[in-house]
Amino acid sequence: MTIPEDQPLSLKAFQQHIYDRYHDTDAARGTPGTFMWLVEEVGELATALHKSVGEGGDTSGDSDPAGEFADVVAWLCTLANINGVDLEEAIRDKYLRGDGPKGHK
């Protein structure tokens, strides 16, 4: 599935893109290995945010928070794919139907 750059991007379309492009490799790696990749990407995001925000907003150097956010979403989609979870539907069920979750979201 190719997603044109001039078209709006839905979470469902992106999750399908990740599935189409990477599913065989992702499924072979399995949930534990994929979860570790996700955790590593979250760590890289934390580092990028620390560099860009923690140092007075200086975004010079090798800090790329936007790219790291994208990596985290991609790996989350991968993890959802190999566990049979439709992220868009899960988000709708939890956050958009009824009163949503109770708490501090």
PDB file of N, CA and C in Angstrom:
ATOM      1  N   MET A   1       0.845  -1.175   0.000  1.00  0.00           N
ATOM      2  CA  MET A   1       0.000   0.000   0.000  1.00  0.00           C
ATOM      3  C   MET A   1       0.890   1.237   0.000  1.00  0.00           C
ATOM      4  N   THR A   2       0.727   2.063  -1.000  1.00  0.00           N
ATOM      5  CA  THR A   2       1.453   3.319  -1.063  1.00  0.00           C
ATOM      6  C   THR A   2       0.499   4.425  -0.652  1.00  0.00           C
ATOM      7  N   ILE A   3       0.948   5.266   0.258  1.00  0.00           N
ATOM      8  CA  ILE A   3       0.130   6.361   0.741  1.00  0.00           C
ATOM      9  C   ILE A   3       0.665   7.649   0.116  1.00  0.00           C
ATOM     10  N   PRO A   4      -0.134   8.288  -0.763  1.00  0.00           N
ATOM     11  CA  PRO A   4       0.326   9.525  -1.389  1.00  0.00           C
ATOM     12  C   PRO A   4       0.603  10.607  -0.349  1.00  0.00           C
ATOM     13  N   GLU A   5       1.677  11.341  -0.551  1.00  0.00           N
ATOM     14  CA  GLU A   5       2.069  12.367   0.414  1.00  0.00           C
ATOM     15  C   GLU A   5       1.067  13.497   0.513  1.00  0.00           C
ATOM     16  N   ASP A   6       0.275  13.729  -0.528  1.00  0.00           N
ATOM     17  CA  ASP A   6      -0.684  14.829  -0.502  1.00  0.00           C
ATOM     18  C   ASP A   6      -2.051  14.413   0.045  1.00  0.00           C
ATOM     19  N   GLN A   7      -2.161  13.182   0.533  1.00  0.00           N
ATOM     20  CA  GLN A   7      -3.410  12.676   1.099  1.00  0.00           C
ATOM     21  C   GLN A   7      -3.331  12.665   2.627  1.00  0.00           C
ATOM     22  N   PRO A   8      -4.466  12.878   3.296  1.00  0.00           N
ATOM     23  CA  PRO A   8      -4.461  12.734   4.759  1.00  0.00           C
ATOM     24  C   PRO A   8      -4.046  11.305   5.132  1.00  0.00           C
ATOM     25  N   LEU A   9      -3.381  11.182   6.244  1.00  0.00           N
ATOM     26  CA  LEU A   9      -2.905   9.873   6.705  1.00  0.00           C
ATOM     27  C   LEU A   9      -3.691   9.451   7.940  1.00  0.00           C
ATOM     28  N   SER A  10      -4.348   8.320   7.845  1.00  0.00           N
ATOM     29  CA  SER A  10      -5.058   7.791   9.010  1.00  0.00           C
ATOM     30  C   SER A  10      -4.157   6.787   9.722  1.00  0.00           C
ATOM     31  N   LEU A  11      -4.438   6.576  10.986  1.00  0.00           N
ATOM     32  CA  LEU A  11      -3.696   5.564  11.737  1.00  0.00           C
ATOM     33  C   LEU A  11      -3.910   4.189  11.117  1.00  0.00           C
ATOM     34  N   LYS A  12      -5.126   3.902  10.687  1.00  0.00           N
ATOM     35  CA  LYS A  12      -5.418   2.607  10.063  1.00  0.00           C
ATOM     36  C   LYS A  12      -4.583   2.396   8.801  1.00  0.00           C
ATOM     37  N   ALA A  13      -4.483   3.436   7.971  1.00  0.00           N
ATOM     38  CA  ALA A  13      -3.697   3.323   6.740  1.00  0.00           C
ATOM     39  C   ALA A  13      -2.216   3.135   7.055  1.00  0.00           C
ATOM     40  N   PHE A  14      -1.707   3.851   8.048  1.00  0.00           N
ATOM     41  CA  PHE A  14      -0.297   3.695   8.401  1.00  0.00           C
ATOM     42  C   PHE A  14      -0.034   2.308   8.975  1.00  0.00           C
ATOM     43  N   GLN A  15      -0.921   1.823   9.838  1.00  0.00           N
ATOM     44  CA  GLN A  15      -0.748   0.485  10.400  1.00  0.00           C
ATOM     45  C   GLN A  15      -0.767  -0.556   9.284  1.00  0.00           C
ATOM     46  N   GLN A  16      -1.629  -0.380   8.293  1.00  0.00           N
ATOM     47  CA  GLN A  16      -1.666  -1.314   7.164  1.00  0.00           C
ATOM     48  C   GLN A  16      -0.381  -1.230   6.351  1.00  0.00           C
ATOM     49  N   HIS A  17       0.144  -0.033   6.154  1.00  0.00           N
ATOM     50  CA  HIS A  17       1.416   0.150   5.442  1.00  0.00           C
ATOM     51  C   HIS A  17       2.537  -0.609   6.150  1.00  0.00           C
ATOM     52  N   ILE A  18       2.612  -0.465   7.465  1.00  0.00           N
ATOM     53  CA  ILE A  18       3.635  -1.178   8.246  1.00  0.00           C
ATOM     54  C   ILE A  18       3.443  -2.687   8.097  1.00  0.00           C
ATOM     55  N   TYR A  19       2.195  -3.143   8.148  1.00  0.00           N
ATOM     56  CA  TYR A  19       1.908  -4.566   7.975  1.00  0.00           C
ATOM     57  C   TYR A  19       2.378  -5.048   6.601  1.00  0.00           C
ATOM     58  N   ASP A  20       1.967  -4.339   5.563  1.00  0.00           N
ATOM     59  CA  ASP A  20       2.306  -4.751   4.199  1.00  0.00           C
ATOM     60  C   ASP A  20       3.815  -4.801   3.978  1.00  0.00           C
ATOM     61  N   ARG A  21       4.514  -3.854   4.539  1.00  0.00           N
ATOM     62  CA  ARG A  21       5.952  -3.740   4.277  1.00  0.00           C
ATOM     63  C   ARG A  21       6.811  -4.649   5.153  1.00  0.00           C
ATOM     64  N   TYR A  22       6.402  -4.883   6.412  1.00  0.00           N
ATOM     65  CA  TYR A  22       7.299  -5.529   7.365  1.00  0.00           C
ATOM     66  C   TYR A  22       6.757  -6.779   8.057  1.00  0.00           C
ATOM     67  N   HIS A  23       5.520  -7.185   7.794  1.00  0.00           N
ATOM     68  CA  HIS A  23       4.894  -8.204   8.635  1.00  0.00           C
ATOM     69  C   HIS A  23       5.661  -9.520   8.722  1.00  0.00           C
ATOM     70  N   ASP A  24       6.182 -10.027   7.626  1.00  0.00           N
ATOM     71  CA  ASP A  24       6.864 -11.327   7.685  1.00  0.00           C
ATOM     72  C   ASP A  24       8.046 -11.286   8.648  1.00  0.00           C
ATOM     73  N   THR A  25       8.854 -10.254   8.546  1.00  0.00           N
ATOM     74  CA  THR A  25      10.007 -10.110   9.445  1.00  0.00           C
ATOM     75  C   THR A  25       9.544  -9.888  10.880  1.00  0.00           C
ATOM     76  N   ASP A  26       8.525  -9.037  11.037  1.00  0.00           N
ATOM     77  CA  ASP A  26       8.022  -8.724  12.378  1.00  0.00           C
ATOM     78  C   ASP A  26       7.447  -9.961  13.054  1.00  0.00           C
ATOM     79  N   ALA A  27       6.667 -10.736  12.320  1.00  0.00           N
ATOM     80  CA  ALA A  27       6.060 -11.938  12.888  1.00  0.00           C
ATOM     81  C   ALA A  27       7.129 -12.950  13.293  1.00  0.00           C
ATOM     82  N   ALA A  28       8.175 -13.064  12.490  1.00  0.00           N
ATOM     83  CA  ALA A  28       9.262 -13.995  12.820  1.00  0.00           C
ATOM     84  C   ALA A  28      10.000 -13.556  14.082  1.00  0.00           C
ATOM     85  N   ARG A  29      10.126 -12.242  14.295  1.00  0.00           N
ATOM     86  CA  ARG A  29      10.804 -11.719  15.483  1.00  0.00           C
ATOM     87  C   ARG A  29       9.961 -11.991  16.729  1.00  0.00           C
ATOM     88  N   GLY A  30       8.647 -11.903  16.596  1.00  0.00           N
ATOM     89  CA  GLY A  30       7.744 -12.181  17.701  1.00  0.00           C
ATOM     90  C   GLY A  30       7.536 -10.990  18.628  1.00  0.00           C
ATOM     91  N   THR A  31       6.628 -11.182  19.560  1.00  0.00           N
ATOM     92  CA  THR A  31       6.254 -10.106  20.481  1.00  0.00           C
ATOM     93  C   THR A  31       7.393  -9.688  21.403  1.00  0.00           C
ATOM     94  N   PRO A  32       8.099 -10.602  22.074  1.00  0.00           N
ATOM     95  CA  PRO A  32       9.153 -10.137  22.993  1.00  0.00           C
ATOM     96  C   PRO A  32      10.233  -9.293  22.305  1.00  0.00           C
ATOM     97  N   GLY A  33      10.720  -9.751  21.155  1.00  0.00           N
ATOM     98  CA  GLY A  33      11.756  -9.002  20.446  1.00  0.00           C
ATOM     99  C   GLY A  33      11.245  -7.673  19.922  1.00  0.00           C
ATOM    100  N   THR A  34      10.015  -7.664  19.441  1.00  0.00           N
ATOM    101  CA  THR A  34       9.426  -6.431  18.925  1.00  0.00           C
ATOM    102  C   THR A  34       9.188  -5.438  20.053  1.00  0.00           C
ATOM    103  N   PHE A  35       8.755  -5.930  21.200  1.00  0.00           N
ATOM    104  CA  PHE A  35       8.556  -5.051  22.351  1.00  0.00           C
ATOM    105  C   PHE A  35       9.877  -4.400  22.758  1.00  0.00           C
ATOM    106  N   MET A  36      10.952  -5.153  22.705  1.00  0.00           N
ATOM    107  CA  MET A  36      12.260  -4.583  23.048  1.00  0.00           C
ATOM    108  C   MET A  36      12.661  -3.494  22.059  1.00  0.00           C
ATOM    109  N   TRP A  37      12.354  -3.662  20.772  1.00  0.00           N
ATOM    110  CA  TRP A  37      12.629  -2.614  19.787  1.00  0.00           C
ATOM    111  C   TRP A  37      11.815  -1.358  20.105  1.00  0.00           C
ATOM    112  N   LEU A  38      10.535  -1.564  20.480  1.00  0.00           N
ATOM    113  CA  LEU A  38       9.685  -0.420  20.846  1.00  0.00           C
ATOM    114  C   LEU A  38      10.275   0.320  22.044  1.00  0.00           C
ATOM    115  N   VAL A  39      10.695  -0.417  23.050  1.00  0.00           N
ATOM    116  CA  VAL A  39      11.280   0.204  24.243  1.00  0.00           C
ATOM    117  C   VAL A  39      12.551   0.969  23.875  1.00  0.00           C
ATOM    118  N   GLU A  40      13.367   0.413  23.005  1.00  0.00           N
ATOM    119  CA  GLU A  40      14.577   1.106  22.562  1.00  0.00           C
ATOM    120  C   GLU A  40      14.220   2.417  21.865  1.00  0.00           C
ATOM    121  N   GLU A  41      13.197   2.387  21.023  1.00  0.00           N
ATOM    122  CA  GLU A  41      12.777   3.611  20.333  1.00  0.00           C
ATOM    123  C   GLU A  41      12.221   4.645  21.309  1.00  0.00           C
ATOM    124  N   VAL A  42      11.505   4.201  22.331  1.00  0.00           N
ATOM    125  CA  VAL A  42      11.026   5.133  23.353  1.00  0.00           C
ATOM    126  C   VAL A  42      12.217   5.767  24.068  1.00  0.00           C
ATOM    127  N   GLY A  43      13.253   4.986  24.316  1.00  0.00           N
ATOM    128  CA  GLY A  43      14.477   5.531  24.909  1.00  0.00           C
ATOM    129  C   GLY A  43      15.138   6.557  24.006  1.00  0.00           C
ATOM    130  N   GLU A  44      15.171   6.288  22.706  1.00  0.00           N
ATOM    131  CA  GLU A  44      15.744   7.254  21.766  1.00  0.00           C
ATOM    132  C   GLU A  44      14.906   8.525  21.714  1.00  0.00           C
ATOM    133  N   LEU A  45      13.596   8.385  21.827  1.00  0.00           N
ATOM    134  CA  LEU A  45      12.723   9.560  21.881  1.00  0.00           C
ATOM    135  C   LEU A  45      13.007  10.369  23.144  1.00  0.00           C
ATOM    136  N   ALA A  46      13.167   9.691  24.263  1.00  0.00           N
ATOM    137  CA  ALA A  46      13.481  10.384  25.513  1.00  0.00           C
ATOM    138  C   ALA A  46      14.779  11.173  25.390  1.00  0.00           C
ATOM    139  N   THR A  47      15.779  10.563  24.791  1.00  0.00           N
ATOM    140  CA  THR A  47      17.070  11.237  24.594  1.00  0.00           C
ATOM    141  C   THR A  47      16.920  12.450  23.686  1.00  0.00           C
ATOM    142  N   ALA A  48      16.181  12.288  22.586  1.00  0.00           N
ATOM    143  CA  ALA A  48      15.981  13.402  21.654  1.00  0.00           C
ATOM    144  C   ALA A  48      15.218  14.541  22.313  1.00  0.00           C
ATOM    145  N   LEU A  49      14.212  14.209  23.113  1.00  0.00           N
ATOM    146  CA  LEU A  49      13.457  15.253  23.809  1.00  0.00           C
ATOM    147  C   LEU A  49      14.325  15.963  24.838  1.00  0.00           C
ATOM    148  N   HIS A  50      15.142  15.204  25.528  1.00  0.00           N
ATOM    149  CA  HIS A  50      16.047  15.809  26.515  1.00  0.00           C
ATOM    150  C   HIS A  50      17.005  16.789  25.845  1.00  0.00           C
ATOM    151  N   LYS A  51      17.520  16.380  24.701  1.00  0.00           N
ATOM    152  CA  LYS A  51      18.459  17.248  23.979  1.00  0.00           C
ATOM    153  C   LYS A  51      17.772  18.499  23.438  1.00  0.00           C
ATOM    154  N   SER A  52      16.530  18.350  22.924  1.00  0.00           N
ATOM    155  CA  SER A  52      15.886  19.497  22.285  1.00  0.00           C
ATOM    156  C   SER A  52      15.134  20.378  23.269  1.00  0.00           C
ATOM    157  N   VAL A  53      14.541  19.795  24.284  1.00  0.00           N
ATOM    158  CA  VAL A  53      13.758  20.565  25.245  1.00  0.00           C
ATOM    159  C   VAL A  53      14.544  20.799  26.522  1.00  0.00           C
ATOM    160  N   GLY A  54      15.263  19.788  26.944  1.00  0.00           N
ATOM    161  CA  GLY A  54      15.992  19.869  28.209  1.00  0.00           C
ATOM    162  C   GLY A  54      17.139  20.847  28.191  1.00  0.00           C
ATOM    163  N   GLU A  55      17.573  21.236  27.017  1.00  0.00           N
ATOM    164  CA  GLU A  55      18.695  22.165  26.920  1.00  0.00           C
ATOM    165  C   GLU A  55      18.223  23.497  26.355  1.00  0.00           C
ATOM    166  N   GLY A  56      17.098  23.983  26.891  1.00  0.00           N
ATOM    167  CA  GLY A  56      16.616  25.290  26.494  1.00  0.00           C
ATOM    168  C   GLY A  56      16.041  25.366  25.097  1.00  0.00           C
ATOM    169  N   GLY A  57      15.587  24.233  24.563  1.00  0.00           N
ATOM    170  CA  GLY A  57      14.981  24.237  23.243  1.00  0.00           C
ATOM    171  C   GLY A  57      15.967  24.249  22.103  1.00  0.00           C
ATOM    172  N   ASP A  58      17.227  24.007  22.372  1.00  0.00           N
ATOM    173  CA  ASP A  58      18.247  23.991  21.319  1.00  0.00           C
ATOM    174  C   ASP A  58      18.086  22.724  20.499  1.00  0.00           C
ATOM    175  N   THR A  59      17.629  22.875  19.254  1.00  0.00           N
ATOM    176  CA  THR A  59      17.416  21.705  18.402  1.00  0.00           C
ATOM    177  C   THR A  59      18.570  21.489  17.430  1.00  0.00           C
ATOM    178  N   SER A  60      19.693  22.129  17.670  1.00  0.00           N
ATOM    179  CA  SER A  60      20.851  21.886  16.812  1.00  0.00           C
ATOM    180  C   SER A  60      21.458  20.533  17.156  1.00  0.00           C
ATOM    181  N   GLY A  61      22.320  20.057  16.307  1.00  0.00           N
ATOM    182  CA  GLY A  61      22.977  18.779  16.571  1.00  0.00           C
ATOM    183  C   GLY A  61      22.174  17.624  16.004  1.00  0.00           C
ATOM    184  N   ASP A  62      22.310  16.454  16.638  1.00  0.00           N
ATOM    185  CA  ASP A  62      21.715  15.248  16.086  1.00  0.00           C
ATOM    186  C   ASP A  62      20.353  14.906  16.689  1.00  0.00           C
ATOM    187  N   SER A  63      19.753  15.808  17.440  1.00  0.00           N
ATOM    188  CA  SER A  63      18.461  15.552  18.044  1.00  0.00           C
ATOM    189  C   SER A  63      17.352  15.633  16.994  1.00  0.00           C
ATOM    190  N   ASP A  64      16.504  14.603  16.920  1.00  0.00           N
ATOM    191  CA  ASP A  64      15.405  14.563  15.954  1.00  0.00           C
ATOM    192  C   ASP A  64      14.151  14.022  16.636  1.00  0.00           C
ATOM    193  N   PRO A  65      13.530  14.823  17.507  1.00  0.00           N
ATOM    194  CA  PRO A  65      12.332  14.315  18.189  1.00  0.00           C
ATOM    195  C   PRO A  65      11.231  13.867  17.227  1.00  0.00           C
ATOM    196  N   ALA A  66      11.002  14.610  16.143  1.00  0.00           N
ATOM    197  CA  ALA A  66       9.932  14.237  15.209  1.00  0.00           C
ATOM    198  C   ALA A  66      10.190  12.853  14.613  1.00  0.00           C
ATOM    199  N   GLY A  67      11.409  12.594  14.216  1.00  0.00           N
ATOM    200  CA  GLY A  67      11.745  11.285  13.672  1.00  0.00           C
ATOM    201  C   GLY A  67      11.594  10.173  14.692  1.00  0.00           C
ATOM    202  N   GLU A  68      11.946  10.476  15.940  1.00  0.00           N
ATOM    203  CA  GLU A  68      11.813   9.468  17.002  1.00  0.00           C
ATOM    204  C   GLU A  68      10.345   9.213  17.340  1.00  0.00           C
ATOM    205  N   PHE A  69       9.506  10.268  17.320  1.00  0.00           N
ATOM    206  CA  PHE A  69       8.068  10.050  17.503  1.00  0.00           C
ATOM    207  C   PHE A  69       7.550   9.119  16.411  1.00  0.00           C
ATOM    208  N   ALA A  70       7.977   9.348  15.167  1.00  0.00           N
ATOM    209  CA  ALA A  70       7.548   8.508  14.049  1.00  0.00           C
ATOM    210  C   ALA A  70       7.992   7.058  14.253  1.00  0.00           C
ATOM    211  N   ASP A  71       9.220   6.872  14.724  1.00  0.00           N
ATOM    212  CA  ASP A  71       9.713   5.510  14.977  1.00  0.00           C
ATOM    213  C   ASP A  71       8.885   4.815  16.050  1.00  0.00           C
ATOM    214  N   VAL A  72       8.536   5.525  17.111  1.00  0.00           N
ATOM    215  CA  VAL A  72       7.741   4.934  18.195  1.00  0.00           C
ATOM    216  C   VAL A  72       6.376   4.496  17.655  1.00  0.00           C
ATOM    217  N   VAL A  73       5.742   5.349  16.859  1.00  0.00           N
ATOM    218  CA  VAL A  73       4.438   4.991  16.293  1.00  0.00           C
ATOM    219  C   VAL A  73       4.577   3.782  15.366  1.00  0.00           C
ATOM    220  N   ALA A  74       5.631   3.753  14.555  1.00  0.00           N
ATOM    221  CA  ALA A  74       5.831   2.625  13.642  1.00  0.00           C
ATOM    222  C   ALA A  74       6.016   1.316  14.413  1.00  0.00           C
ATOM    223  N   TRP A  75       6.828   1.347  15.469  1.00  0.00           N
ATOM    224  CA  TRP A  75       7.047   0.122  16.245  1.00  0.00           C
ATOM    225  C   TRP A  75       5.812  -0.272  17.049  1.00  0.00           C
ATOM    226  N   LEU A  76       5.014   0.709  17.482  1.00  0.00           N
ATOM    227  CA  LEU A  76       3.757   0.400  18.148  1.00  0.00           C
ATOM    228  C   LEU A  76       2.805  -0.281  17.166  1.00  0.00           C
ATOM    229  N   CYS A  77       2.761   0.203  15.930  1.00  0.00           N
ATOM    230  CA  CYS A  77       1.951  -0.443  14.896  1.00  0.00           C
ATOM    231  C   CYS A  77       2.427  -1.867  14.639  1.00  0.00           C
ATOM    232  N   THR A  78       3.730  -2.053  14.598  1.00  0.00           N
ATOM    233  CA  THR A  78       4.293  -3.384  14.402  1.00  0.00           C
ATOM    234  C   THR A  78       3.847  -4.327  15.512  1.00  0.00           C
ATOM    235  N   LEU A  79       3.971  -3.883  16.739  1.00  0.00           N
ATOM    236  CA  LEU A  79       3.581  -4.701  17.890  1.00  0.00           C
ATOM    237  C   LEU A  79       2.083  -5.018  17.842  1.00  0.00           C
ATOM    238  N   ALA A  80       1.283  -4.022  17.500  1.00  0.00           N
ATOM    239  CA  ALA A  80      -0.157  -4.261  17.373  1.00  0.00           C
ATOM    240  C   ALA A  80      -0.445  -5.264  16.259  1.00  0.00           C
ATOM    241  N   ASN A  81       0.225  -5.120  15.125  1.00  0.00           N
ATOM    242  CA  ASN A  81      -0.004  -6.024  13.996  1.00  0.00           C
ATOM    243  C   ASN A  81       0.256  -7.470  14.369  1.00  0.00           C
ATOM    244  N   ILE A  82       1.368  -7.745  15.007  1.00  0.00           N
ATOM    245  CA  ILE A  82       1.691  -9.150  15.289  1.00  0.00           C
ATOM    246  C   ILE A  82       0.867  -9.711  16.446  1.00  0.00           C
ATOM    247  N   ASN A  83       0.113  -8.833  17.111  1.00  0.00           N
ATOM    248  CA  ASN A  83      -0.782  -9.283  18.180  1.00  0.00           C
ATOM    249  C   ASN A  83      -2.251  -9.142  17.798  1.00  0.00           C
ATOM    250  N   GLY A  84      -2.507  -8.852  16.522  1.00  0.00           N
ATOM    251  CA  GLY A  84      -3.879  -8.809  16.031  1.00  0.00           C
ATOM    252  C   GLY A  84      -4.723  -7.663  16.574  1.00  0.00           C
ATOM    253  N   VAL A  85      -4.101  -6.532  16.864  1.00  0.00           N
ATOM    254  CA  VAL A  85      -4.820  -5.383  17.404  1.00  0.00           C
ATOM    255  C   VAL A  85      -4.931  -4.290  16.340  1.00  0.00           C
ATOM    256  N   ASP A  86      -6.153  -3.865  16.070  1.00  0.00           N
ATOM    257  CA  ASP A  86      -6.411  -2.730  15.195  1.00  0.00           C
ATOM    258  C   ASP A  86      -6.337  -1.489  16.089  1.00  0.00           C
ATOM    259  N   LEU A  87      -5.252  -0.728  15.965  1.00  0.00           N
ATOM    260  CA  LEU A  87      -5.040   0.413  16.860  1.00  0.00           C
ATOM    261  C   LEU A  87      -6.141   1.458  16.744  1.00  0.00           C
ATOM    262  N   GLU A  88      -6.582   1.732  15.531  1.00  0.00           N
ATOM    263  CA  GLU A  88      -7.639   2.739  15.372  1.00  0.00           C
ATOM    264  C   GLU A  88      -8.889   2.315  16.131  1.00  0.00           C
ATOM    265  N   GLU A  89      -9.272   1.072  15.997  1.00  0.00           N
ATOM    266  CA  GLU A  89     -10.452   0.567  16.693  1.00  0.00           C
ATOM    267  C   GLU A  89     -10.236   0.560  18.205  1.00  0.00           C
ATOM    268  N   ALA A  90      -9.053   0.179  18.645  1.00  0.00           N
ATOM    269  CA  ALA A  90      -8.757   0.173  20.081  1.00  0.00           C
ATOM    270  C   ALA A  90      -8.850   1.583  20.663  1.00  0.00           C
ATOM    271  N   ILE A  91      -8.345   2.568  19.929  1.00  0.00           N
ATOM    272  CA  ILE A  91      -8.405   3.963  20.390  1.00  0.00           C
ATOM    273  C   ILE A  91      -9.850   4.446  20.416  1.00  0.00           C
ATOM    274  N   ARG A  92     -10.606   4.115  19.379  1.00  0.00           N
ATOM    275  CA  ARG A  92     -12.025   4.502  19.365  1.00  0.00           C
ATOM    276  C   ARG A  92     -12.748   3.897  20.566  1.00  0.00           C
ATOM    277  N   ASP A  93     -12.526   2.587  20.804  1.00  0.00           N
ATOM    278  CA  ASP A  93     -13.196   1.904  21.907  1.00  0.00           C
ATOM    279  C   ASP A  93     -12.845   2.529  23.254  1.00  0.00           C
ATOM    280  N   LYS A  94     -11.595   2.829  23.457  1.00  0.00           N
ATOM    281  CA  LYS A  94     -11.156   3.298  24.779  1.00  0.00           C
ATOM    282  C   LYS A  94     -11.376   4.789  24.990  1.00  0.00           C
ATOM    283  N   TYR A  95     -11.118   5.611  23.975  1.00  0.00           N
ATOM    284  CA  TYR A  95     -11.090   7.061  24.180  1.00  0.00           C
ATOM    285  C   TYR A  95     -12.241   7.837  23.549  1.00  0.00           C
ATOM    286  N   LEU A  96     -12.909   7.297  22.547  1.00  0.00           N
ATOM    287  CA  LEU A  96     -13.899   8.085  21.818  1.00  0.00           C
ATOM    288  C   LEU A  96     -15.337   7.638  22.017  1.00  0.00           C
ATOM    289  N   ARG A  97     -15.546   6.463  22.562  1.00  0.00           N
ATOM    290  CA  ARG A  97     -16.905   5.978  22.776  1.00  0.00           C
ATOM    291  C   ARG A  97     -17.306   6.198  24.225  1.00  0.00           C
ATOM    292  N   GLY A  98     -18.537   6.579  24.412  1.00  0.00           N
ATOM    293  CA  GLY A  98     -19.009   6.840  25.778  1.00  0.00           C
ATOM    294  C   GLY A  98     -18.300   8.044  26.355  1.00  0.00           C
ATOM    295  N   ASP A  99     -17.982   7.964  27.613  1.00  0.00           N
ATOM    296  CA  ASP A  99     -17.304   9.076  28.304  1.00  0.00           C
ATOM    297  C   ASP A  99     -15.799   8.943  28.276  1.00  0.00           C
ATOM    298  N   GLY A 100     -15.277   7.922  27.614  1.00  0.00           N
ATOM    299  CA  GLY A 100     -13.832   7.724  27.596  1.00  0.00           C
ATOM    300  C   GLY A 100     -13.340   7.223  28.942  1.00  0.00           C
ATOM    301  N   PRO A 101     -12.042   7.058  29.085  1.00  0.00           N
ATOM    302  CA  PRO A 101     -11.514   6.530  30.351  1.00  0.00           C
ATOM    303  C   PRO A 101     -11.591   7.555  31.471  1.00  0.00           C
ATOM    304  N   LYS A 102     -11.694   7.064  32.654  1.00  0.00           N
ATOM    305  CA  LYS A 102     -11.649   7.928  33.827  1.00  0.00           C
ATOM    306  C   LYS A 102     -10.190   8.152  34.177  1.00  0.00           C
ATOM    307  N   GLY A 103      -9.863   9.305  34.706  1.00  0.00           N
ATOM    308  CA  GLY A 103      -8.477   9.541  35.100  1.00  0.00           C
ATOM    309  C   GLY A 103      -7.940  10.824  34.533  1.00  0.00           C
ATOM    310  N   HIS A 104      -6.669  10.845  34.280  1.00  0.00           N
ATOM    311  CA  HIS A 104      -5.938  12.071  33.943  1.00  0.00           C
ATOM    312  C   HIS A 104      -5.435  12.100  32.513  1.00  0.00           C
ATOM    313  N   LYS A 105      -6.185  11.650  31.557  1.00  0.00           N
ATOM    314  CA  LYS A 105      -5.743  11.698  30.160  1.00  0.00           C
ATOM    315  C   LYS A 105      -6.057  13.037  29.561  1.00  0.00           C
TER     316      LYS A 105
END
